[in-house]
Amino acid sequence: MTPKNISVDINSEVTINCKTINLKNSQNYRIFWYKNNEAIPFFNNKNKITIKDVKKTDQGSYFCVVEDIQKSISKSDNTLLTI
């Protein structure tokens, strides 16, 4: 897995997409988001994160984990957001 790097300016907008092999049918999975290995539940069950007013504190490594109905789990590549 190769991390994706995104560089943005403060006060700009950025979108990070959840891309995993299990992301096929929106009825049959749950999505969990993490920043720097800490859960960020506000974005759970969304296939992308949009930060509309980027702050320095938004900088970090983001990834999602997808769990399907059979409890099969896949993790996305990390996306490194730099300000």
N, C-alpha and C. Protein backbone atom coordinates (compact mmCIF):
# COMPACT_ATOMS: atom_id res chain seq x y z
N MET A 1 0.83 -1.18 0.00
CA MET A 1 0.00 0.00 0.00
C MET A 1 0.88 1.25 0.00
N THR A 2 0.53 2.17 -0.85
CA THR A 2 1.26 3.42 -0.93
C THR A 2 0.40 4.54 -0.39
N PRO A 3 0.89 5.27 0.59
CA PRO A 3 0.08 6.39 1.11
C PRO A 3 -0.12 7.46 0.03
N LYS A 4 -1.27 8.08 0.08
CA LYS A 4 -1.56 9.20 -0.79
C LYS A 4 -1.28 10.47 0.00
N ASN A 5 -0.64 11.42 -0.64
CA ASN A 5 -0.34 12.69 0.02
C ASN A 5 -1.19 13.79 -0.56
N ILE A 6 -1.80 14.58 0.31
CA ILE A 6 -2.59 15.74 -0.10
C ILE A 6 -2.05 16.93 0.69
N SER A 7 -1.73 17.98 -0.04
CA SER A 7 -1.26 19.21 0.60
C SER A 7 -2.26 20.32 0.31
N VAL A 8 -2.73 20.98 1.37
CA VAL A 8 -3.74 22.04 1.22
C VAL A 8 -3.36 23.25 2.06
N ASP A 9 -3.98 24.36 1.75
CA ASP A 9 -3.77 25.59 2.51
C ASP A 9 -4.80 25.69 3.64
N ILE A 10 -4.43 26.39 4.70
CA ILE A 10 -5.37 26.68 5.78
C ILE A 10 -6.57 27.43 5.20
N ASN A 11 -7.75 27.13 5.72
CA ASN A 11 -9.04 27.72 5.32
C ASN A 11 -9.56 27.20 3.98
N SER A 12 -8.87 26.25 3.36
CA SER A 12 -9.36 25.69 2.11
C SER A 12 -10.26 24.49 2.40
N GLU A 13 -10.71 23.81 1.34
CA GLU A 13 -11.57 22.63 1.46
C GLU A 13 -10.83 21.43 0.90
N VAL A 14 -11.00 20.28 1.55
CA VAL A 14 -10.37 19.05 1.07
C VAL A 14 -11.33 17.88 1.25
N THR A 15 -11.27 16.93 0.31
CA THR A 15 -12.08 15.71 0.41
C THR A 15 -11.14 14.51 0.35
N ILE A 16 -11.36 13.57 1.27
CA ILE A 16 -10.60 12.33 1.31
C ILE A 16 -11.60 11.20 1.08
N ASN A 17 -11.37 10.40 0.05
CA ASN A 17 -12.27 9.30 -0.31
C ASN A 17 -11.84 8.00 0.32
N CYS A 18 -12.82 7.17 0.66
CA CYS A 18 -12.56 5.83 1.18
C CYS A 18 -12.54 4.88 0.00
N LYS A 19 -11.37 4.31 -0.26
CA LYS A 19 -11.24 3.37 -1.38
C LYS A 19 -10.69 2.06 -0.85
N THR A 20 -11.54 1.03 -0.82
CA THR A 20 -11.12 -0.30 -0.42
C THR A 20 -11.77 -1.31 -1.35
N ILE A 21 -11.32 -2.54 -1.28
CA ILE A 21 -11.86 -3.56 -2.16
C ILE A 21 -13.28 -3.97 -1.80
N ASN A 22 -13.70 -3.75 -0.55
CA ASN A 22 -15.04 -4.17 -0.11
C ASN A 22 -16.13 -3.13 -0.32
N LEU A 23 -15.78 -1.97 -0.85
CA LEU A 23 -16.74 -0.88 -0.96
C LEU A 23 -17.54 -1.03 -2.25
N LYS A 24 -18.58 -1.89 -2.21
CA LYS A 24 -19.35 -2.20 -3.42
C LYS A 24 -20.82 -1.85 -3.29
N ASN A 25 -21.46 -2.30 -2.24
CA ASN A 25 -22.90 -2.13 -2.11
C ASN A 25 -23.21 -1.36 -0.84
N SER A 26 -23.71 -0.15 -0.97
CA SER A 26 -23.91 0.73 0.18
C SER A 26 -24.86 0.18 1.23
N GLN A 27 -25.62 -0.83 0.90
CA GLN A 27 -26.56 -1.41 1.87
C GLN A 27 -25.88 -2.44 2.78
N ASN A 28 -24.69 -2.91 2.39
CA ASN A 28 -24.13 -4.08 3.06
C ASN A 28 -22.81 -3.85 3.78
N TYR A 29 -22.50 -2.65 4.15
CA TYR A 29 -21.26 -2.43 4.85
C TYR A 29 -21.34 -1.24 5.80
N ARG A 30 -20.35 -1.17 6.69
CA ARG A 30 -20.19 -0.02 7.58
C ARG A 30 -18.78 0.53 7.37
N ILE A 31 -18.63 1.83 7.47
CA ILE A 31 -17.35 2.49 7.29
C ILE A 31 -16.94 3.17 8.60
N PHE A 32 -15.69 2.98 8.97
CA PHE A 32 -15.13 3.61 10.15
C PHE A 32 -13.91 4.42 9.72
N TRP A 33 -13.82 5.66 10.17
CA TRP A 33 -12.72 6.55 9.81
C TRP A 33 -11.77 6.75 10.98
N TYR A 34 -10.48 6.93 10.65
CA TYR A 34 -9.44 7.13 11.65
C TYR A 34 -8.51 8.26 11.20
N LYS A 35 -8.03 9.01 12.16
CA LYS A 35 -7.00 10.03 11.93
C LYS A 35 -5.89 9.75 12.93
N ASN A 36 -4.68 9.55 12.43
CA ASN A 36 -3.54 9.22 13.30
C ASN A 36 -3.86 8.04 14.22
N ASN A 37 -4.54 7.04 13.66
CA ASN A 37 -4.93 5.80 14.36
C ASN A 37 -5.96 6.00 15.47
N GLU A 38 -6.59 7.16 15.53
CA GLU A 38 -7.66 7.43 16.50
C GLU A 38 -8.99 7.50 15.75
N ALA A 39 -10.01 6.84 16.27
CA ALA A 39 -11.33 6.85 15.63
C ALA A 39 -11.89 8.27 15.56
N ILE A 40 -12.51 8.59 14.43
CA ILE A 40 -13.22 9.87 14.29
C ILE A 40 -14.66 9.54 13.89
N PRO A 41 -15.50 9.21 14.88
CA PRO A 41 -16.84 8.69 14.64
C PRO A 41 -17.78 9.64 13.91
N PHE A 42 -17.51 10.93 13.91
CA PHE A 42 -18.39 11.88 13.22
C PHE A 42 -18.57 11.52 11.75
N PHE A 43 -17.55 10.91 11.15
CA PHE A 43 -17.59 10.59 9.72
C PHE A 43 -17.98 9.14 9.43
N ASN A 44 -18.27 8.34 10.45
CA ASN A 44 -18.60 6.93 10.21
C ASN A 44 -19.76 6.79 9.24
N ASN A 45 -19.68 5.72 8.44
CA ASN A 45 -20.66 5.35 7.42
C ASN A 45 -20.76 6.36 6.28
N LYS A 46 -19.70 7.15 6.09
CA LYS A 46 -19.62 8.04 4.93
C LYS A 46 -18.43 7.58 4.10
N ASN A 47 -18.60 7.53 2.77
CA ASN A 47 -17.51 7.03 1.94
C ASN A 47 -16.47 8.10 1.61
N LYS A 48 -16.65 9.29 2.18
CA LYS A 48 -15.64 10.34 2.02
C LYS A 48 -15.74 11.32 3.17
N ILE A 49 -14.63 11.99 3.42
CA ILE A 49 -14.56 13.05 4.42
C ILE A 49 -14.35 14.35 3.67
N THR A 50 -15.15 15.36 3.98
CA THR A 50 -14.91 16.69 3.43
C THR A 50 -14.70 17.65 4.59
N ILE A 51 -13.55 18.28 4.60
CA ILE A 51 -13.24 19.30 5.60
C ILE A 51 -13.33 20.64 4.88
N LYS A 52 -14.31 21.46 5.26
CA LYS A 52 -14.60 22.69 4.53
C LYS A 52 -13.73 23.86 4.92
N ASP A 53 -13.20 23.90 6.10
CA ASP A 53 -12.39 25.01 6.57
C ASP A 53 -11.16 24.43 7.27
N VAL A 54 -10.18 23.99 6.49
CA VAL A 54 -9.03 23.27 7.01
C VAL A 54 -8.26 24.11 8.03
N LYS A 55 -7.94 23.46 9.13
CA LYS A 55 -7.14 24.06 10.20
C LYS A 55 -5.84 23.27 10.33
N LYS A 56 -4.85 23.83 10.96
CA LYS A 56 -3.58 23.14 11.18
C LYS A 56 -3.79 21.82 11.93
N THR A 57 -4.77 21.78 12.82
CA THR A 57 -5.05 20.57 13.60
C THR A 57 -5.63 19.44 12.75
N ASP A 58 -6.07 19.73 11.52
CA ASP A 58 -6.59 18.69 10.63
C ASP A 58 -5.47 17.88 9.98
N GLN A 59 -4.25 18.36 10.08
CA GLN A 59 -3.11 17.66 9.49
C GLN A 59 -2.96 16.30 10.13
N GLY A 60 -2.65 15.29 9.32
CA GLY A 60 -2.44 13.95 9.87
C GLY A 60 -2.64 12.88 8.84
N SER A 61 -2.63 11.65 9.30
CA SER A 61 -2.79 10.47 8.46
C SER A 61 -4.20 9.91 8.63
N TYR A 62 -4.96 9.84 7.54
CA TYR A 62 -6.35 9.39 7.55
C TYR A 62 -6.47 8.05 6.83
N PHE A 63 -7.37 7.19 7.33
CA PHE A 63 -7.73 5.98 6.61
C PHE A 63 -9.11 5.53 7.05
N CYS A 64 -9.71 4.68 6.23
CA CYS A 64 -11.02 4.12 6.58
C CYS A 64 -10.91 2.61 6.66
N VAL A 65 -11.83 2.02 7.40
CA VAL A 65 -11.95 0.58 7.51
C VAL A 65 -13.39 0.24 7.14
N VAL A 66 -13.55 -0.72 6.24
CA VAL A 66 -14.87 -1.13 5.79
C VAL A 66 -15.15 -2.53 6.30
N GLU A 67 -16.31 -2.68 6.93
CA GLU A 67 -16.74 -3.99 7.44
C GLU A 67 -18.03 -4.36 6.73
N ASP A 68 -18.04 -5.53 6.06
CA ASP A 68 -19.26 -5.96 5.37
C ASP A 68 -20.12 -6.82 6.30
N ILE A 69 -21.26 -7.29 5.79
CA ILE A 69 -22.21 -8.02 6.64
C ILE A 69 -21.67 -9.35 7.14
N GLN A 70 -20.65 -9.89 6.49
CA GLN A 70 -20.04 -11.13 6.94
C GLN A 70 -18.86 -10.86 7.87
N LYS A 71 -18.71 -9.60 8.30
CA LYS A 71 -17.64 -9.17 9.20
C LYS A 71 -16.26 -9.23 8.54
N SER A 72 -16.24 -9.26 7.21
CA SER A 72 -14.99 -9.17 6.48
C SER A 72 -14.54 -7.71 6.49
N ILE A 73 -13.27 -7.48 6.79
CA ILE A 73 -12.78 -6.13 6.97
C ILE A 73 -11.69 -5.82 5.97
N SER A 74 -11.73 -4.62 5.41
CA SER A 74 -10.63 -4.15 4.58
C SER A 74 -10.31 -2.72 4.97
N LYS A 75 -9.02 -2.39 4.88
CA LYS A 75 -8.52 -1.06 5.27
C LYS A 75 -8.03 -0.35 4.02
N SER A 76 -8.32 0.94 3.95
CA SER A 76 -7.82 1.74 2.84
C SER A 76 -6.35 2.09 3.06
N ASP A 77 -5.69 2.52 1.99
CA ASP A 77 -4.35 3.09 2.14
C ASP A 77 -4.47 4.36 2.97
N ASN A 78 -3.40 4.72 3.65
CA ASN A 78 -3.38 5.97 4.40
C ASN A 78 -3.33 7.15 3.43
N THR A 79 -3.98 8.24 3.82
CA THR A 79 -3.87 9.51 3.11
C THR A 79 -3.26 10.50 4.08
N LEU A 80 -2.11 11.04 3.71
CA LEU A 80 -1.42 11.99 4.56
C LEU A 80 -1.82 13.40 4.15
N LEU A 81 -2.49 14.09 5.05
CA LEU A 81 -2.93 15.47 4.81
C LEU A 81 -1.92 16.41 5.46
N THR A 82 -1.31 17.26 4.64
CA THR A 82 -0.35 18.23 5.17
C THR A 82 -0.85 19.64 4.88
N ILE A 83 -0.55 20.53 5.80
CA ILE A 83 -0.98 21.93 5.71
C ILE A 83 0.24 22.79 5.42
